C-alpha atoms as a PDB file:
ATOM      1  CA  UNK A   1     122.602  42.012 -51.745  1.00  0.00           C
ATOM      2  CA  UNK A   2     122.964  44.546 -54.316  1.00  0.00           C
ATOM      3  CA  UNK A   3     124.334  47.865 -53.329  1.00  0.00           C
ATOM      4  CA  UNK A   4     121.260  49.682 -54.230  1.00  0.00           C
ATOM      5  CA  UNK A   5     118.984  47.356 -52.474  1.00  0.00           C
ATOM      6  CA  UNK A   6     121.319  47.698 -49.365  1.00  0.00           C
ATOM      7  CA  UNK A   7     120.806  50.993 -49.570  1.00  0.00           C
ATOM      8  CA  UNK A   8     117.129  50.972 -49.835  1.00  0.00           C
ATOM      9  CA  UNK A   9     116.907  48.467 -46.428  1.00  0.00           C
ATOM     10  CA  UNK A  10     119.116  51.207 -44.474  1.00  0.00           C
ATOM     11  CA  UNK A  11     116.800  54.237 -45.819  1.00  0.00           C
ATOM     12  CA  UNK A  12     113.873  52.006 -44.774  1.00  0.00           C
ATOM     13  CA  UNK A  13     115.303  51.305 -41.451  1.00  0.00           C
ATOM     14  CA  UNK A  14     116.203  55.156 -40.638  1.00  0.00           C
ATOM     15  CA  UNK A  15     112.632  56.326 -41.923  1.00  0.00           C
ATOM     16  CA  UNK A  16     110.991  53.649 -39.593  1.00  0.00           C
ATOM     17  CA  UNK A  17     113.251  54.893 -36.765  1.00  0.00           C
ATOM     18  CA  UNK A  18     112.123  58.712 -37.297  1.00  0.00           C
ATOM     19  CA  UNK A  19     108.428  57.631 -37.739  1.00  0.00           C
ATOM     20  CA  UNK A  20     108.251  55.474 -34.637  1.00  0.00           C
ATOM     21  CA  UNK A  21     107.282  56.692 -31.390  1.00  0.00           C
ATOM     22  CA  UNK A  22     109.381  54.458 -29.565  1.00  0.00           C
ATOM     23  CA  UNK A  23     111.584  55.727 -26.872  1.00  0.00           C
ATOM     24  CA  UNK A  24     114.556  53.568 -26.276  1.00  0.00           C
ATOM     25  CA  UNK A  25     117.757  54.174 -24.815  1.00  0.00           C
ATOM     26  CA  UNK A  26     121.046  54.458 -26.769  1.00  0.00           C
ATOM     27  CA  UNK A  27     121.944  50.497 -26.005  1.00  0.00           C
ATOM     28  CA  UNK A  28     118.721  49.198 -27.252  1.00  0.00           C
ATOM     29  CA  UNK A  29     118.360  51.279 -30.633  1.00  0.00           C
ATOM     30  CA  UNK A  30     121.160  49.234 -32.329  1.00  0.00           C
ATOM     31  CA  UNK A  31     119.463  46.048 -31.682  1.00  0.00           C
ATOM     32  CA  UNK A  32     116.184  47.438 -32.897  1.00  0.00           C
ATOM     33  CA  UNK A  33     117.567  48.821 -36.070  1.00  0.00           C
ATOM     34  CA  UNK A  34     119.432  45.351 -36.592  1.00  0.00           C
ATOM     35  CA  UNK A  35     116.195  43.502 -36.210  1.00  0.00           C
ATOM     36  CA  UNK A  36     114.368  46.105 -38.606  1.00  0.00           C
ATOM     37  CA  UNK A  37     116.821  45.730 -41.027  1.00  0.00           C
ATOM     38  CA  UNK A  38     116.832  41.886 -41.046  1.00  0.00           C
ATOM     39  CA  UNK A  39     112.927  41.869 -41.733  1.00  0.00           C
ATOM     40  CA  UNK A  40     113.562  44.419 -44.456  1.00  0.00           C
ATOM     41  CA  UNK A  41     116.058  42.340 -46.023  1.00  0.00           C
ATOM     42  CA  UNK A  42     113.794  39.423 -45.720  1.00  0.00           C
ATOM     43  CA  UNK A  43     110.922  41.120 -47.212  1.00  0.00           C
ATOM     44  CA  UNK A  44     113.046  42.196 -50.176  1.00  0.00           C
ATOM     45  CA  UNK A  45     114.600  38.605 -50.591  1.00  0.00           C
ATOM     46  CA  UNK A  46     110.821  37.167 -50.643  1.00  0.00           C
ATOM     47  CA  UNK A  47     109.385  39.866 -52.953  1.00  0.00           C
ATOM     48  CA  UNK A  48     112.529  38.975 -55.261  1.00  0.00           C
ATOM     49  CA  UNK A  49     111.858  35.139 -55.229  1.00  0.00           C
ATOM     50  CA  UNK A  50     108.269  35.764 -55.598  1.00  0.00           C
ATOM     51  CA  UNK A  51     108.909  37.987 -58.786  1.00  0.00           C
ATOM     52  CA  UNK A  52     111.243  35.313 -60.318  1.00  0.00           C
ATOM     53  CA  UNK A  53     108.315  32.681 -59.625  1.00  0.00           C
ATOM     54  CA  UNK A  54     105.830  34.924 -61.311  1.00  0.00           C
ATOM     55  CA  UNK A  55     108.206  35.287 -64.334  1.00  0.00           C
ATOM     56  CA  UNK A  56     108.848  31.565 -64.357  1.00  0.00           C
ATOM     57  CA  UNK A  57     105.176  30.614 -64.072  1.00  0.00           C
ATOM     58  CA  UNK A  58     103.453  33.238 -66.250  1.00  0.00           C
ATOM     59  CA  UNK A  59     105.832  34.823 -68.566  1.00  0.00           C
ATOM     60  CA  UNK A  60     107.735  31.626 -69.681  1.00  0.00           C
ATOM     61  CA  UNK A  61     104.975  29.156 -70.604  1.00  0.00           C
ATOM     62  CA  UNK A  62     106.243  26.812 -73.348  1.00  0.00           C
ATOM     63  CA  UNK A  63     103.473  27.515 -75.630  1.00  0.00           C
ATOM     64  CA  UNK A  64     103.839  31.199 -75.292  1.00  0.00           C
ATOM     65  CA  UNK A  65     107.390  31.546 -75.556  1.00  0.00           C
ATOM     66  CA  UNK A  66     107.873  32.389 -79.150  1.00  0.00           C
ATOM     67  CA  UNK A  67     104.948  33.978 -81.326  1.00  0.00           C
ATOM     68  CA  UNK A  68     106.087  35.146 -84.543  1.00  0.00           C
ATOM     69  CA  UNK A  69     104.613  37.714 -86.657  1.00  0.00           C
ATOM     70  CA  UNK A  70     106.207  37.363 -90.379  1.00  0.00           C
ATOM     71  CA  UNK A  71     104.975  33.958 -92.192  1.00  0.00           C
ATOM     72  CA  UNK A  72     107.838  34.692 -94.802  1.00  0.00           C
ATOM     73  CA  UNK A  73     110.457  33.558 -92.162  1.00  0.00           C
ATOM     74  CA  UNK A  74     108.712  30.171 -91.428  1.00  0.00           C
ATOM     75  CA  UNK A  75     112.329  28.271 -92.104  1.00  0.00           C
ATOM     76  CA  UNK A  76     113.535  30.523 -89.410  1.00  0.00           C
ATOM     77  CA  UNK A  77     110.761  29.915 -86.937  1.00  0.00           C
ATOM     78  CA  UNK A  78     111.036  26.200 -87.477  1.00  0.00           C
ATOM     79  CA  UNK A  79     114.872  26.340 -86.989  1.00  0.00           C
ATOM     80  CA  UNK A  80     114.528  28.114 -83.803  1.00  0.00           C
ATOM     81  CA  UNK A  81     111.973  25.534 -82.638  1.00  0.00           C
ATOM     82  CA  UNK A  82     114.836  22.888 -83.218  1.00  0.00           C
ATOM     83  CA  UNK A  83     117.236  24.717 -80.903  1.00  0.00           C
ATOM     84  CA  UNK A  84     117.992  23.682 -77.474  1.00  0.00           C
ATOM     85  CA  UNK A  85     115.427  25.109 -74.875  1.00  0.00           C
ATOM     86  CA  UNK A  86     118.109  27.465 -73.272  1.00  0.00           C
ATOM     87  CA  UNK A  87     119.206  28.678 -76.731  1.00  0.00           C
ATOM     88  CA  UNK A  88     115.554  29.185 -77.841  1.00  0.00           C
ATOM     89  CA  UNK A  89     114.769  31.012 -74.699  1.00  0.00           C
ATOM     90  CA  UNK A  90     117.514  33.558 -74.934  1.00  0.00           C
ATOM     91  CA  UNK A  91     117.177  33.989 -78.848  1.00  0.00           C
ATOM     92  CA  UNK A  92     113.580  34.630 -78.285  1.00  0.00           C
ATOM     93  CA  UNK A  93     114.008  37.107 -75.397  1.00  0.00           C
ATOM     94  CA  UNK A  94     116.778  38.986 -77.237  1.00  0.00           C
ATOM     95  CA  UNK A  95     115.661  39.416 -80.814  1.00  0.00           C
ATOM     96  CA  UNK A  96     111.641  38.968 -80.640  1.00  0.00           C
ATOM     97  CA  UNK A  97     110.857  40.379 -77.265  1.00  0.00           C
ATOM     98  CA  UNK A  98     113.850  42.855 -77.453  1.00  0.00           C
ATOM     99  CA  UNK A  99     115.438  42.345 -73.962  1.00  0.00           C
ATOM    100  CA  UNK A 100     118.925  43.514 -73.379  1.00  0.00           C
ATOM    101  CA  UNK A 101     121.672  40.836 -72.241  1.00  0.00           C
ATOM    102  CA  UNK A 102     121.706  42.327 -68.723  1.00  0.00           C
ATOM    103  CA  UNK A 103     117.854  42.110 -68.278  1.00  0.00           C
ATOM    104  CA  UNK A 104     117.813  38.516 -69.772  1.00  0.00           C
ATOM    105  CA  UNK A 105     120.491  37.520 -67.159  1.00  0.00           C
ATOM    106  CA  UNK A 106     118.341  38.994 -64.314  1.00  0.00           C
ATOM    107  CA  UNK A 107     115.160  37.160 -65.699  1.00  0.00           C
ATOM    108  CA  UNK A 108     116.889  33.858 -66.038  1.00  0.00           C
ATOM    109  CA  UNK A 109     119.454  34.124 -63.184  1.00  0.00           C
ATOM    110  CA  UNK A 110     122.353  33.694 -65.341  1.00  0.00           C
ATOM    111  CA  UNK A 111     125.478  35.823 -65.761  1.00  0.00           C
ATOM    112  CA  UNK A 112     125.607  38.174 -68.335  1.00  0.00           C
ATOM    113  CA  UNK A 113     128.661  36.224 -69.886  1.00  0.00           C
ATOM    114  CA  UNK A 114     126.675  33.093 -69.799  1.00  0.00           C
ATOM    115  CA  UNK A 115     123.925  34.892 -71.835  1.00  0.00           C
ATOM    116  CA  UNK A 116     126.301  36.354 -74.395  1.00  0.00           C
ATOM    117  CA  UNK A 117     127.831  32.654 -74.812  1.00  0.00           C
ATOM    118  CA  UNK A 118     124.369  31.118 -75.332  1.00  0.00           C
ATOM    119  CA  UNK A 119     123.521  33.828 -77.653  1.00  0.00           C
ATOM    120  CA  UNK A 120     126.501  32.926 -79.683  1.00  0.00           C
ATOM    121  CA  UNK A 121     126.113  29.119 -79.729  1.00  0.00           C
ATOM    122  CA  UNK A 122     122.394  29.384 -80.458  1.00  0.00           C
ATOM    123  CA  UNK A 123     123.311  31.985 -83.552  1.00  0.00           C
ATOM    124  CA  UNK A 124     125.851  29.160 -84.842  1.00  0.00           C
ATOM    125  CA  UNK A 125     123.273  26.487 -84.062  1.00  0.00           C
ATOM    126  CA  UNK A 126     120.870  28.365 -86.157  1.00  0.00           C
ATOM    127  CA  UNK A 127     123.047  29.175 -88.856  1.00  0.00           C
ATOM    128  CA  UNK A 128     124.033  25.494 -89.225  1.00  0.00           C
ATOM    129  CA  UNK A 129     120.380  24.405 -89.234  1.00  0.00           C
ATOM    130  CA  UNK A 130     119.316  26.846 -91.812  1.00  0.00           C
ATOM    131  CA  UNK A 131     122.201  26.012 -94.349  1.00  0.00           C
ATOM    132  CA  UNK A 132     121.377  22.129 -93.946  1.00  0.00           C
ATOM    133  CA  UNK A 133     117.716  23.531 -95.241  1.00  0.00           C
ATOM    134  CA  UNK A 134     119.401  25.228 -98.122  1.00  0.00           C
ATOM    135  CA  UNK A 135     118.793  28.791 -96.468  1.00  0.00           C
ATOM    136  CA  UNK A 136     121.417  31.456 -96.059  1.00  0.00           C
ATOM    137  CA  UNK A 137     121.498  34.575 -93.406  1.00  0.00           C
ATOM    138  CA  UNK A 138     120.734  37.005 -96.405  1.00  0.00           C
ATOM    139  CA  UNK A 139     117.464  35.327 -96.593  1.00  0.00           C
ATOM    140  CA  UNK A 140     116.254  36.364 -93.388  1.00  0.00           C
ATOM    141  CA  UNK A 141     117.390  40.247 -93.173  1.00  0.00           C
END
């Protein structure tokens, strides 16, 4: 659990303790707080899992992944479609959806270094595909 999320859980437990009308002796408060903290953690975990599921289901539908606006770049778009799924996804999120590497790593549940490597390999693969068709990087700037 990330540090910030842990702090939120602790804060929620303390607020629950202050707001509750329970009168517990000191020996039972600790177990009550532990039980509330465990439940809050489970709630956070479920919320995060549900968020990831929604992203996977709704945001990353294959037909919606890459929607381009510039018809002059059709060769580039076709070359992107030939990339591996992971490379295509990362390039789309980084260049066309304008997400940061950190945001992409959260969305795809991969490390930031993995995203950077995938971007590098995707760019290299894309350059190779474009050069094979007779295009150069400068054609798309």
